[in-house]
Amino acid sequence: MRKRHEYSVYILTNKANTVFYIGVTSDLESRIYEHKHKVFKGFTSRYEVNKLVYYEDFQWIQDAISREKQLKGGSRQKKIDLIVEINPGWSDLSLEWFE
């Protein structure tokens, strides 16, 4: 049996929804946990960017990386439109993952 690959591209924001971070990972739940608990010092820990507002899953890493680059290259408004389309309330999609 072949292993099922799964990669995610995600968008995080801060409490005020003013700062965006776009990333790619092979383990979304673990990666979001790391952001929320500031495991690594950097942009997301410095600016309190730890609210998951959007994600997409991919079977192949090349597709995920391509999508990440596309999102990073898009305008702020395109990111906002994408988030609002699937998450109009800007809820933290990972809120119940760690309870």
PDB file of N, CA and C in Angstrom:
ATOM      1  N   MET A   1       0.837  -1.186   0.000  1.00  0.00           N
ATOM      2  CA  MET A   1       0.000   0.000   0.000  1.00  0.00           C
ATOM      3  C   MET A   1       0.880   1.248   0.000  1.00  0.00           C
ATOM      4  N   ARG A   2       0.543   2.183  -0.868  1.00  0.00           N
ATOM      5  CA  ARG A   2       1.322   3.416  -0.959  1.00  0.00           C
ATOM      6  C   ARG A   2       0.924   4.393   0.132  1.00  0.00           C
ATOM      7  N   LYS A   3       1.931   5.095   0.627  1.00  0.00           N
ATOM      8  CA  LYS A   3       1.691   6.120   1.639  1.00  0.00           C
ATOM      9  C   LYS A   3       0.956   7.298   0.976  1.00  0.00           C
ATOM     10  N   ARG A   4      -0.035   7.808   1.666  1.00  0.00           N
ATOM     11  CA  ARG A   4      -0.769   8.979   1.179  1.00  0.00           C
ATOM     12  C   ARG A   4      -0.008  10.232   1.591  1.00  0.00           C
ATOM     13  N   HIS A   5       0.415  10.986   0.606  1.00  0.00           N
ATOM     14  CA  HIS A   5       1.099  12.241   0.893  1.00  0.00           C
ATOM     15  C   HIS A   5       0.052  13.296   1.197  1.00  0.00           C
ATOM     16  N   GLU A   6       0.368  14.175   2.121  1.00  0.00           N
ATOM     17  CA  GLU A   6      -0.520  15.300   2.354  1.00  0.00           C
ATOM     18  C   GLU A   6       0.289  16.497   2.809  1.00  0.00           C
ATOM     19  N   TYR A   7       0.081  17.589   2.110  1.00  0.00           N
ATOM     20  CA  TYR A   7       0.769  18.839   2.396  1.00  0.00           C
ATOM     21  C   TYR A   7      -0.290  19.925   2.460  1.00  0.00           C
ATOM     22  N   SER A   8      -0.038  20.929   3.266  1.00  0.00           N
ATOM     23  CA  SER A   8      -1.002  22.010   3.424  1.00  0.00           C
ATOM     24  C   SER A   8      -0.328  23.357   3.225  1.00  0.00           C
ATOM     25  N   VAL A   9      -1.058  24.244   2.579  1.00  0.00           N
ATOM     26  CA  VAL A   9      -0.690  25.649   2.500  1.00  0.00           C
ATOM     27  C   VAL A   9      -1.676  26.370   3.403  1.00  0.00           C
ATOM     28  N   TYR A  10      -1.168  27.273   4.216  1.00  0.00           N
ATOM     29  CA  TYR A  10      -2.040  27.897   5.209  1.00  0.00           C
ATOM     30  C   TYR A  10      -1.777  29.387   5.326  1.00  0.00           C
ATOM     31  N   ILE A  11      -2.795  30.093   5.804  1.00  0.00           N
ATOM     32  CA  ILE A  11      -2.668  31.520   6.091  1.00  0.00           C
ATOM     33  C   ILE A  11      -3.001  31.741   7.561  1.00  0.00           C
ATOM     34  N   LEU A  12      -2.076  32.389   8.243  1.00  0.00           N
ATOM     35  CA  LEU A  12      -2.281  32.797   9.628  1.00  0.00           C
ATOM     36  C   LEU A  12      -2.426  34.312   9.668  1.00  0.00           C
ATOM     37  N   THR A  13      -3.106  34.789  10.690  1.00  0.00           N
ATOM     38  CA  THR A  13      -3.195  36.222  10.916  1.00  0.00           C
ATOM     39  C   THR A  13      -3.112  36.480  12.414  1.00  0.00           C
ATOM     40  N   ASN A  14      -3.126  37.738  12.779  1.00  0.00           N
ATOM     41  CA  ASN A  14      -3.111  38.109  14.192  1.00  0.00           C
ATOM     42  C   ASN A  14      -4.534  38.382  14.661  1.00  0.00           C
ATOM     43  N   LYS A  15      -4.690  38.732  15.927  1.00  0.00           N
ATOM     44  CA  LYS A  15      -6.009  38.951  16.509  1.00  0.00           C
ATOM     45  C   LYS A  15      -6.799  40.028  15.762  1.00  0.00           C
ATOM     46  N   ALA A  16      -6.121  41.070  15.292  1.00  0.00           N
ATOM     47  CA  ALA A  16      -6.779  42.179  14.595  1.00  0.00           C
ATOM     48  C   ALA A  16      -6.929  41.934  13.088  1.00  0.00           C
ATOM     49  N   ASN A  17      -6.462  40.785  12.606  1.00  0.00           N
ATOM     50  CA  ASN A  17      -6.525  40.420  11.178  1.00  0.00           C
ATOM     51  C   ASN A  17      -5.785  41.418  10.281  1.00  0.00           C
ATOM     52  N   THR A  18      -4.684  41.953  10.780  1.00  0.00           N
ATOM     53  CA  THR A  18      -3.951  42.961  10.007  1.00  0.00           C
ATOM     54  C   THR A  18      -2.652  42.445   9.405  1.00  0.00           C
ATOM     55  N   VAL A  19      -2.128  41.340   9.926  1.00  0.00           N
ATOM     56  CA  VAL A  19      -0.855  40.794   9.452  1.00  0.00           C
ATOM     57  C   VAL A  19      -1.113  39.388   8.933  1.00  0.00           C
ATOM     58  N   PHE A  20      -0.517  39.046   7.770  1.00  0.00           N
ATOM     59  CA  PHE A  20      -0.669  37.707   7.208  1.00  0.00           C
ATOM     60  C   PHE A  20       0.666  36.984   7.175  1.00  0.00           C
ATOM     61  N   TYR A  21       0.592  35.675   7.382  1.00  0.00           N
ATOM     62  CA  TYR A  21       1.739  34.792   7.194  1.00  0.00           C
ATOM     63  C   TYR A  21       1.242  33.611   6.376  1.00  0.00           C
ATOM     64  N   ILE A  22       1.963  33.270   5.328  1.00  0.00           N
ATOM     65  CA  ILE A  22       1.601  32.145   4.475  1.00  0.00           C
ATOM     66  C   ILE A  22       2.721  31.106   4.572  1.00  0.00           C
ATOM     67  N   GLY A  23       2.335  29.856   4.820  1.00  0.00           N
ATOM     68  CA  GLY A  23       3.327  28.798   4.947  1.00  0.00           C
ATOM     69  C   GLY A  23       2.865  27.513   4.306  1.00  0.00           C
ATOM     70  N   VAL A  24       3.785  26.550   4.253  1.00  0.00           N
ATOM     71  CA  VAL A  24       3.492  25.223   3.722  1.00  0.00           C
ATOM     72  C   VAL A  24       4.072  24.207   4.707  1.00  0.00           C
ATOM     73  N   THR A  25       3.369  23.098   4.882  1.00  0.00           N
ATOM     74  CA  THR A  25       3.816  22.092   5.847  1.00  0.00           C
ATOM     75  C   THR A  25       3.295  20.710   5.472  1.00  0.00           C
ATOM     76  N   SER A  26       3.951  19.685   6.014  1.00  0.00           N
ATOM     77  CA  SER A  26       3.479  18.318   5.819  1.00  0.00           C
ATOM     78  C   SER A  26       2.655  17.848   7.015  1.00  0.00           C
ATOM     79  N   ASP A  27       2.561  18.675   8.053  1.00  0.00           N
ATOM     80  CA  ASP A  27       1.789  18.310   9.244  1.00  0.00           C
ATOM     81  C   ASP A  27       1.148  19.588   9.800  1.00  0.00           C
ATOM     82  N   LEU A  28      -0.015  19.915   9.296  1.00  0.00           N
ATOM     83  CA  LEU A  28      -0.656  21.191   9.618  1.00  0.00           C
ATOM     84  C   LEU A  28      -0.911  21.346  11.111  1.00  0.00           C
ATOM     85  N   GLU A  29      -1.452  20.331  11.739  1.00  0.00           N
ATOM     86  CA  GLU A  29      -1.782  20.451  13.154  1.00  0.00           C
ATOM     87  C   GLU A  29      -0.536  20.733  14.005  1.00  0.00           C
ATOM     88  N   SER A  30       0.530  20.008  13.761  1.00  0.00           N
ATOM     89  CA  SER A  30       1.774  20.225  14.515  1.00  0.00           C
ATOM     90  C   SER A  30       2.357  21.609  14.238  1.00  0.00           C
ATOM     91  N   ARG A  31       2.297  22.017  12.990  1.00  0.00           N
ATOM     92  CA  ARG A  31       2.869  23.326  12.631  1.00  0.00           C
ATOM     93  C   ARG A  31       2.093  24.460  13.287  1.00  0.00           C
ATOM     94  N   ILE A  32       0.769  24.361  13.314  1.00  0.00           N
ATOM     95  CA  ILE A  32      -0.035  25.398  13.948  1.00  0.00           C
ATOM     96  C   ILE A  32       0.238  25.424  15.447  1.00  0.00           C
ATOM     97  N   TYR A  33       0.387  24.253  16.048  1.00  0.00           N
ATOM     98  CA  TYR A  33       0.750  24.173  17.466  1.00  0.00           C
ATOM     99  C   TYR A  33       2.051  24.936  17.723  1.00  0.00           C
ATOM    100  N   GLU A  34       3.029  24.736  16.841  1.00  0.00           N
ATOM    101  CA  GLU A  34       4.315  25.427  16.987  1.00  0.00           C
ATOM    102  C   GLU A  34       4.148  26.941  16.908  1.00  0.00           C
ATOM    103  N   HIS A  35       3.313  27.400  15.971  1.00  0.00           N
ATOM    104  CA  HIS A  35       3.056  28.841  15.873  1.00  0.00           C
ATOM    105  C   HIS A  35       2.380  29.359  17.143  1.00  0.00           C
ATOM    106  N   LYS A  36       1.371  28.659  17.614  1.00  0.00           N
ATOM    107  CA  LYS A  36       0.619  29.102  18.792  1.00  0.00           C
ATOM    108  C   LYS A  36       1.471  29.125  20.058  1.00  0.00           C
ATOM    109  N   HIS A  37       2.443  28.221  20.143  1.00  0.00           N
ATOM    110  CA  HIS A  37       3.280  28.133  21.340  1.00  0.00           C
ATOM    111  C   HIS A  37       4.669  28.746  21.134  1.00  0.00           C
ATOM    112  N   LYS A  38       4.811  29.479  20.050  1.00  0.00           N
ATOM    113  CA  LYS A  38       6.049  30.230  19.765  1.00  0.00           C
ATOM    114  C   LYS A  38       7.290  29.356  19.911  1.00  0.00           C
ATOM    115  N   VAL A  39       7.213  28.169  19.339  1.00  0.00           N
ATOM    116  CA  VAL A  39       8.329  27.229  19.406  1.00  0.00           C
ATOM    117  C   VAL A  39       9.562  27.818  18.718  1.00  0.00           C
ATOM    118  N   PHE A  40       9.356  28.532  17.635  1.00  0.00           N
ATOM    119  CA  PHE A  40      10.462  29.153  16.903  1.00  0.00           C
ATOM    120  C   PHE A  40      10.315  30.665  16.978  1.00  0.00           C
ATOM    121  N   LYS A  41      11.405  31.339  17.266  1.00  0.00           N
ATOM    122  CA  LYS A  41      11.386  32.800  17.310  1.00  0.00           C
ATOM    123  C   LYS A  41      11.436  33.319  15.875  1.00  0.00           C
ATOM    124  N   GLY A  42      10.647  34.332  15.599  1.00  0.00           N
ATOM    125  CA  GLY A  42      10.641  34.893  14.262  1.00  0.00           C
ATOM    126  C   GLY A  42       9.409  35.742  14.040  1.00  0.00           C
ATOM    127  N   PHE A  43       9.052  35.892  12.784  1.00  0.00           N
ATOM    128  CA  PHE A  43       7.962  36.777  12.392  1.00  0.00           C
ATOM    129  C   PHE A  43       6.657  36.477  13.120  1.00  0.00           C
ATOM    130  N   THR A  44       6.233  35.209  13.108  1.00  0.00           N
ATOM    131  CA  THR A  44       4.916  34.888  13.677  1.00  0.00           C
ATOM    132  C   THR A  44       4.890  35.062  15.191  1.00  0.00           C
ATOM    133  N   SER A  45       5.983  34.740  15.866  1.00  0.00           N
ATOM    134  CA  SER A  45       5.994  34.942  17.320  1.00  0.00           C
ATOM    135  C   SER A  45       6.109  36.423  17.663  1.00  0.00           C
ATOM    136  N   ARG A  46       6.885  37.161  16.897  1.00  0.00           N
ATOM    137  CA  ARG A  46       7.079  38.590  17.156  1.00  0.00           C
ATOM    138  C   ARG A  46       5.780  39.375  16.991  1.00  0.00           C
ATOM    139  N   TYR A  47       4.995  39.029  15.972  1.00  0.00           N
ATOM    140  CA  TYR A  47       3.780  39.782  15.664  1.00  0.00           C
ATOM    141  C   TYR A  47       2.492  39.080  16.103  1.00  0.00           C
ATOM    142  N   GLU A  48       2.633  38.039  16.953  1.00  0.00           N
ATOM    143  CA  GLU A  48       1.459  37.330  17.481  1.00  0.00           C
ATOM    144  C   GLU A  48       0.553  36.809  16.357  1.00  0.00           C
ATOM    145  N   VAL A  49       1.165  36.273  15.322  1.00  0.00           N
ATOM    146  CA  VAL A  49       0.431  35.742  14.165  1.00  0.00           C
ATOM    147  C   VAL A  49       0.241  34.247  14.403  1.00  0.00           C
ATOM    148  N   ASN A  50      -0.945  33.863  14.918  1.00  0.00           N
ATOM    149  CA  ASN A  50      -1.153  32.457  15.262  1.00  0.00           C
ATOM    150  C   ASN A  50      -2.602  32.013  15.086  1.00  0.00           C
ATOM    151  N   LYS A  51      -3.388  32.784  14.351  1.00  0.00           N
ATOM    152  CA  LYS A  51      -4.789  32.422  14.104  1.00  0.00           C
ATOM    153  C   LYS A  51      -4.908  31.857  12.683  1.00  0.00           C
ATOM    154  N   LEU A  52      -5.256  30.588  12.584  1.00  0.00           N
ATOM    155  CA  LEU A  52      -5.402  29.925  11.287  1.00  0.00           C
ATOM    156  C   LEU A  52      -6.734  30.329  10.658  1.00  0.00           C
ATOM    157  N   VAL A  53      -6.677  31.048   9.546  1.00  0.00           N
ATOM    158  CA  VAL A  53      -7.910  31.505   8.906  1.00  0.00           C
ATOM    159  C   VAL A  53      -8.163  30.856   7.548  1.00  0.00           C
ATOM    160  N   TYR A  54      -7.163  30.134   7.027  1.00  0.00           N
ATOM    161  CA  TYR A  54      -7.325  29.514   5.707  1.00  0.00           C
ATOM    162  C   TYR A  54      -6.298  28.403   5.543  1.00  0.00           C
ATOM    163  N   TYR A  55      -6.713  27.321   4.897  1.00  0.00           N
ATOM    164  CA  TYR A  55      -5.742  26.309   4.481  1.00  0.00           C
ATOM    165  C   TYR A  55      -6.298  25.495   3.321  1.00  0.00           C
ATOM    166  N   GLU A  56      -5.383  24.924   2.559  1.00  0.00           N
ATOM    167  CA  GLU A  56      -5.704  24.031   1.446  1.00  0.00           C
ATOM    168  C   GLU A  56      -4.787  22.823   1.571  1.00  0.00           C
ATOM    169  N   ASP A  57      -5.291  21.645   1.212  1.00  0.00           N
ATOM    170  CA  ASP A  57      -4.489  20.423   1.249  1.00  0.00           C
ATOM    171  C   ASP A  57      -4.123  19.976  -0.162  1.00  0.00           C
ATOM    172  N   PHE A  58      -2.934  19.396  -0.278  1.00  0.00           N
ATOM    173  CA  PHE A  58      -2.417  18.913  -1.557  1.00  0.00           C
ATOM    174  C   PHE A  58      -1.784  17.543  -1.365  1.00  0.00           C
ATOM    175  N   GLN A  59      -1.822  16.732  -2.401  1.00  0.00           N
ATOM    176  CA  GLN A  59      -1.175  15.425  -2.331  1.00  0.00           C
ATOM    177  C   GLN A  59       0.332  15.541  -2.565  1.00  0.00           C
ATOM    178  N   TRP A  60       0.738  16.469  -3.399  1.00  0.00           N
ATOM    179  CA  TRP A  60       2.145  16.562  -3.800  1.00  0.00           C
ATOM    180  C   TRP A  60       2.754  17.866  -3.311  1.00  0.00           C
ATOM    181  N   ILE A  61       3.974  17.774  -2.781  1.00  0.00           N
ATOM    182  CA  ILE A  61       4.671  18.942  -2.242  1.00  0.00           C
ATOM    183  C   ILE A  61       4.891  20.010  -3.316  1.00  0.00           C
ATOM    184  N   GLN A  62       5.154  19.590  -4.563  1.00  0.00           N
ATOM    185  CA  GLN A  62       5.382  20.571  -5.617  1.00  0.00           C
ATOM    186  C   GLN A  62       4.147  21.450  -5.817  1.00  0.00           C
ATOM    187  N   ASP A  63       2.973  20.843  -5.750  1.00  0.00           N
ATOM    188  CA  ASP A  63       1.727  21.604  -5.909  1.00  0.00           C
ATOM    189  C   ASP A  63       1.526  22.565  -4.744  1.00  0.00           C
ATOM    190  N   ALA A  64       1.852  22.112  -3.548  1.00  0.00           N
ATOM    191  CA  ALA A  64       1.698  22.959  -2.359  1.00  0.00           C
ATOM    192  C   ALA A  64       2.650  24.155  -2.425  1.00  0.00           C
ATOM    193  N   ILE A  65       3.881  23.913  -2.806  1.00  0.00           N
ATOM    194  CA  ILE A  65       4.859  24.998  -2.900  1.00  0.00           C
ATOM    195  C   ILE A  65       4.461  25.989  -3.987  1.00  0.00           C
ATOM    196  N   SER A  66       3.971  25.473  -5.085  1.00  0.00           N
ATOM    197  CA  SER A  66       3.513  26.346  -6.173  1.00  0.00           C
ATOM    198  C   SER A  66       2.368  27.244  -5.704  1.00  0.00           C
ATOM    199  N   ARG A  67       1.423  26.664  -4.974  1.00  0.00           N
ATOM    200  CA  ARG A  67       0.292  27.433  -4.455  1.00  0.00           C
ATOM    201  C   ARG A  67       0.753  28.455  -3.414  1.00  0.00           C
ATOM    202  N   GLU A  68       1.694  28.053  -2.563  1.00  0.00           N
ATOM    203  CA  GLU A  68       2.237  28.990  -1.568  1.00  0.00           C
ATOM    204  C   GLU A  68       2.840  30.214  -2.267  1.00  0.00           C
ATOM    205  N   LYS A  69       3.632  29.984  -3.303  1.00  0.00           N
ATOM    206  CA  LYS A  69       4.250  31.088  -4.041  1.00  0.00           C
ATOM    207  C   LYS A  69       3.189  31.974  -4.698  1.00  0.00           C
ATOM    208  N   GLN A  70       2.143  31.333  -5.239  1.00  0.00           N
ATOM    209  CA  GLN A  70       1.060  32.083  -5.874  1.00  0.00           C
ATOM    210  C   GLN A  70       0.377  32.996  -4.848  1.00  0.00           C
ATOM    211  N   LEU A  71       0.077  32.451  -3.665  1.00  0.00           N
ATOM    212  CA  LEU A  71      -0.579  33.240  -2.624  1.00  0.00           C
ATOM    213  C   LEU A  71       0.324  34.362  -2.132  1.00  0.00           C
ATOM    214  N   LYS A  72       1.601  34.067  -1.926  1.00  0.00           N
ATOM    215  CA  LYS A  72       2.530  35.097  -1.454  1.00  0.00           C
ATOM    216  C   LYS A  72       2.677  36.214  -2.476  1.00  0.00           C
ATOM    217  N   GLY A  73       2.571  35.871  -3.756  1.00  0.00           N
ATOM    218  CA  GLY A  73       2.724  36.869  -4.818  1.00  0.00           C
ATOM    219  C   GLY A  73       1.467  37.675  -5.081  1.00  0.00           C
ATOM    220  N   GLY A  74       0.337  37.231  -4.552  1.00  0.00           N
ATOM    221  CA  GLY A  74      -0.927  37.917  -4.791  1.00  0.00           C
ATOM    222  C   GLY A  74      -1.083  39.147  -3.918  1.00  0.00           C
ATOM    223  N   SER A  75      -2.016  39.966  -4.276  1.00  0.00           N
ATOM    224  CA  SER A  75      -2.266  41.192  -3.516  1.00  0.00           C
ATOM    225  C   SER A  75      -2.895  40.874  -2.162  1.00  0.00           C
ATOM    226  N   ARG A  76      -2.826  41.827  -1.277  1.00  0.00           N
ATOM    227  CA  ARG A  76      -3.464  41.692   0.029  1.00  0.00           C
ATOM    228  C   ARG A  76      -4.961  41.461  -0.145  1.00  0.00           C
ATOM    229  N   GLN A  77      -5.574  42.175  -1.091  1.00  0.00           N
ATOM    230  CA  GLN A  77      -7.011  42.039  -1.315  1.00  0.00           C
ATOM    231  C   GLN A  77      -7.372  40.630  -1.784  1.00  0.00           C
ATOM    232  N   LYS A  78      -6.538  40.026  -2.621  1.00  0.00           N
ATOM    233  CA  LYS A  78      -6.804  38.655  -3.072  1.00  0.00           C
ATOM    234  C   LYS A  78      -6.764  37.686  -1.892  1.00  0.00           C
ATOM    235  N   LYS A  79      -5.854  37.894  -0.967  1.00  0.00           N
ATOM    236  CA  LYS A  79      -5.778  37.052   0.231  1.00  0.00           C
ATOM    237  C   LYS A  79      -7.047  37.229   1.069  1.00  0.00           C
ATOM    238  N   ILE A  80      -7.451  38.464   1.259  1.00  0.00           N
ATOM    239  CA  ILE A  80      -8.665  38.756   2.029  1.00  0.00           C
ATOM    240  C   ILE A  80      -9.876  38.102   1.374  1.00  0.00           C
ATOM    241  N   ASP A  81     -10.010  38.247   0.063  1.00  0.00           N
ATOM    242  CA  ASP A  81     -11.140  37.652  -0.659  1.00  0.00           C
ATOM    243  C   ASP A  81     -11.156  36.135  -0.498  1.00  0.00           C
ATOM    244  N   LEU A  82      -9.994  35.512  -0.572  1.00  0.00           N
ATOM    245  CA  LEU A  82      -9.876  34.059  -0.429  1.00  0.00           C
ATOM    246  C   LEU A  82     -10.320  33.621   0.968  1.00  0.00           C
ATOM    247  N   ILE A  83      -9.870  34.334   1.973  1.00  0.00           N
ATOM    248  CA  ILE A  83     -10.237  34.006   3.356  1.00  0.00           C
ATOM    249  C   ILE A  83     -11.736  34.173   3.559  1.00  0.00           C
ATOM    250  N   VAL A  84     -12.270  35.308   3.140  1.00  0.00           N
ATOM    251  CA  VAL A  84     -13.693  35.611   3.347  1.00  0.00           C
ATOM    252  C   VAL A  84     -14.587  34.595   2.634  1.00  0.00           C
ATOM    253  N   GLU A  85     -14.135  34.089   1.489  1.00  0.00           N
ATOM    254  CA  GLU A  85     -14.921  33.117   0.725  1.00  0.00           C
ATOM    255  C   GLU A  85     -15.200  31.846   1.529  1.00  0.00           C
ATOM    256  N   ILE A  86     -14.192  31.368   2.286  1.00  0.00           N
ATOM    257  CA  ILE A  86     -14.395  30.116   3.036  1.00  0.00           C
ATOM    258  C   ILE A  86     -14.548  30.335   4.542  1.00  0.00           C
ATOM    259  N   ASN A  87     -14.191  31.519   5.016  1.00  0.00           N
ATOM    260  CA  ASN A  87     -14.207  31.786   6.449  1.00  0.00           C
ATOM    261  C   ASN A  87     -14.642  33.238   6.692  1.00  0.00           C
ATOM    262  N   PRO A  88     -15.895  33.547   6.376  1.00  0.00           N
ATOM    263  CA  PRO A  88     -16.352  34.944   6.437  1.00  0.00           C
ATOM    264  C   PRO A  88     -16.244  35.575   7.823  1.00  0.00           C
ATOM    265  N   GLY A  89     -16.270  34.786   8.875  1.00  0.00           N
ATOM    266  CA  GLY A  89     -16.154  35.334  10.225  1.00  0.00           C
ATOM    267  C   GLY A  89     -14.720  35.442  10.724  1.00  0.00           C
ATOM    268  N   TRP A  90     -13.765  35.065   9.885  1.00  0.00           N
ATOM    269  CA  TRP A  90     -12.351  35.085  10.244  1.00  0.00           C
ATOM    270  C   TRP A  90     -12.106  34.295  11.536  1.00  0.00           C
ATOM    271  N   SER A  91     -12.800  33.164  11.686  1.00  0.00           N
ATOM    272  CA  SER A  91     -12.635  32.309  12.860  1.00  0.00           C
ATOM    273  C   SER A  91     -11.279  31.606  12.820  1.00  0.00           C
ATOM    274  N   ASP A  92     -10.782  31.244  13.987  1.00  0.00           N
ATOM    275  CA  ASP A  92      -9.565  30.435  14.064  1.00  0.00           C
ATOM    276  C   ASP A  92      -9.970  28.993  13.762  1.00  0.00           C
ATOM    277  N   LEU A  93      -9.597  28.507  12.604  1.00  0.00           N
ATOM    278  CA  LEU A  93     -10.004  27.171  12.155  1.00  0.00           C
ATOM    279  C   LEU A  93      -9.361  26.056  12.981  1.00  0.00           C
ATOM    280  N   SER A  94      -8.384  26.386  13.772  1.00  0.00           N
ATOM    281  CA  SER A  94      -7.701  25.375  14.596  1.00  0.00           C
ATOM    282  C   SER A  94      -8.110  25.457  16.066  1.00  0.00           C
ATOM    283  N   LEU A  95      -9.086  26.254  16.369  1.00  0.00           N
ATOM    284  CA  LEU A  95      -9.466  26.524  17.764  1.00  0.00           C
ATOM    285  C   LEU A  95      -9.717  25.251  18.571  1.00  0.00           C
ATOM    286  N   GLU A  96     -10.394  24.287  17.996  1.00  0.00           N
ATOM    287  CA  GLU A  96     -10.755  23.081  18.734  1.00  0.00           C
ATOM    288  C   GLU A  96      -9.695  21.976  18.666  1.00  0.00           C
ATOM    289  N   TRP A  97      -8.638  22.198  17.917  1.00  0.00           N
ATOM    290  CA  TRP A  97      -7.626  21.169  17.745  1.00  0.00           C
ATOM    291  C   TRP A  97      -6.850  20.870  19.024  1.00  0.00           C
ATOM    292  N   PHE A  98      -6.702  21.860  19.886  1.00  0.00           N
ATOM    293  CA  PHE A  98      -5.793  21.727  21.019  1.00  0.00           C
ATOM    294  C   PHE A  98      -6.491  21.783  22.366  1.00  0.00           C
ATOM    295  N   GLU A  99      -7.793  21.550  22.389  1.00  0.00           N
ATOM    296  CA  GLU A  99      -8.550  21.594  23.647  1.00  0.00           C
ATOM    297  C   GLU A  99      -8.471  20.264  24.369  1.00  0.00           C
TER     298      GLU A  99
END
